[in-house]
C-alpha atoms as a PDB file:
ATOM      1  CA  SER A   1      -3.758   2.069  13.754  1.00  0.00           C
ATOM      2  CA  GLY A   2      -3.324  -1.817  13.914  1.00  0.00           C
ATOM      3  CA  GLU A   3      -4.808  -2.432  10.481  1.00  0.00           C
ATOM      4  CA  ALA A   4      -3.869  -5.278   8.095  1.00  0.00           C
ATOM      5  CA  LEU A   5      -2.250  -3.600   4.926  1.00  0.00           C
ATOM      6  CA  ALA A   6      -1.487  -7.395   3.101  1.00  0.00           C
ATOM      7  CA  LEU A   7      -2.305 -10.625   3.096  1.00  0.00           C
ATOM      8  CA  VAL A   8       0.155 -13.004   2.045  1.00  0.00           C
ATOM      9  CA  HIS A   9      -0.669 -16.514   0.962  1.00  0.00           C
ATOM     10  CA  ALA A  10       2.423 -18.768   0.205  1.00  0.00           C
ATOM     11  CA  ARG A  11       3.118 -22.582  -0.390  1.00  0.00           C
ATOM     12  CA  THR A  12       5.786 -22.436   2.523  1.00  0.00           C
ATOM     13  CA  ASP A  13       7.363 -20.669   4.987  1.00  0.00           C
ATOM     14  CA  ALA A  14      10.116 -19.299   3.271  1.00  0.00           C
ATOM     15  CA  GLU A  15       7.949 -18.150  -0.011  1.00  0.00           C
ATOM     16  CA  ALA A  16       5.808 -16.335   2.858  1.00  0.00           C
ATOM     17  CA  GLU A  17       8.600 -14.798   4.572  1.00  0.00           C
ATOM     18  CA  ALA A  18      10.138 -13.468   0.884  1.00  0.00           C
ATOM     19  CA  ALA A  19       6.483 -12.231   0.165  1.00  0.00           C
ATOM     20  CA  ALA A  20       5.950 -10.381   3.537  1.00  0.00           C
ATOM     21  CA  THR A  21       9.729  -9.116   3.247  1.00  0.00           C
ATOM     22  CA  ALA A  22       8.773  -7.255   0.052  1.00  0.00           C
ATOM     23  CA  VAL A  23       5.318  -6.034   1.500  1.00  0.00           C
ATOM     24  CA  ARG A  24       7.048  -4.412   4.497  1.00  0.00           C
ATOM     25  CA  ALA A  25       9.629  -2.878   2.057  1.00  0.00           C
ATOM     26  CA  ALA A  26       6.629  -1.454  -0.265  1.00  0.00           C
ATOM     27  CA  TYR A  27       5.617   0.867   2.549  1.00  0.00           C
ATOM     28  CA  THR A  28       6.615   3.788   4.594  1.00  0.00           C
ATOM     29  CA  ILE A  29       5.025   4.157   7.823  1.00  0.00           C
ATOM     30  CA  GLY A  30       5.159   7.928   9.459  1.00  0.00           C
ATOM     31  CA  GLY A  31       4.249   9.368  12.323  1.00  0.00           C
ATOM     32  CA  SER A  32       1.862  12.407  10.657  1.00  0.00           C
ATOM     33  CA  LYS A  33      -0.818  12.145   7.920  1.00  0.00           C
ATOM     34  CA  PRO A  34       0.782  12.875   4.291  1.00  0.00           C
ATOM     35  CA  PRO A  35      -0.668  16.231   2.769  1.00  0.00           C
ATOM     36  CA  ALA A  36      -4.041  15.734   1.070  1.00  0.00           C
ATOM     37  CA  GLU A  37      -4.129  15.637  -2.570  1.00  0.00           C
ATOM     38  CA  LYS A  38      -6.973  16.642  -5.011  1.00  0.00           C
ATOM     39  CA  THR A  39      -9.427  13.729  -6.198  1.00  0.00           C
ATOM     40  CA  VAL A  40     -10.119  15.449  -9.286  1.00  0.00           C
ATOM     41  CA  LEU A  41      -7.327  16.225 -11.098  1.00  0.00           C
ATOM     42  CA  ARG A  42      -8.968  17.232 -14.356  1.00  0.00           C
ATOM     43  CA  ARG A  43     -12.168  17.532 -16.196  1.00  0.00           C
ATOM     44  CA  ILE A  44     -12.401  16.356 -19.936  1.00  0.00           C
ATOM     45  CA  LEU A  45     -15.856  17.847 -21.387  1.00  0.00           C
ATOM     46  CA  ALA A  46     -17.544  17.061 -24.551  1.00  0.00           C
ATOM     47  CA  ARG A  47     -17.416  19.651 -26.930  1.00  0.00           C
END
């Protein structure tokens, strides 16, 4: 929805562009939501 996924800080324009390219490669933006996953995978209880 137009929100920032990352903020790049760099000393030079070339370094900024390289970092931005790496960030863009790390994400896949799709047209639908991914399936929901369990928040709690398992409980570990004291004996």
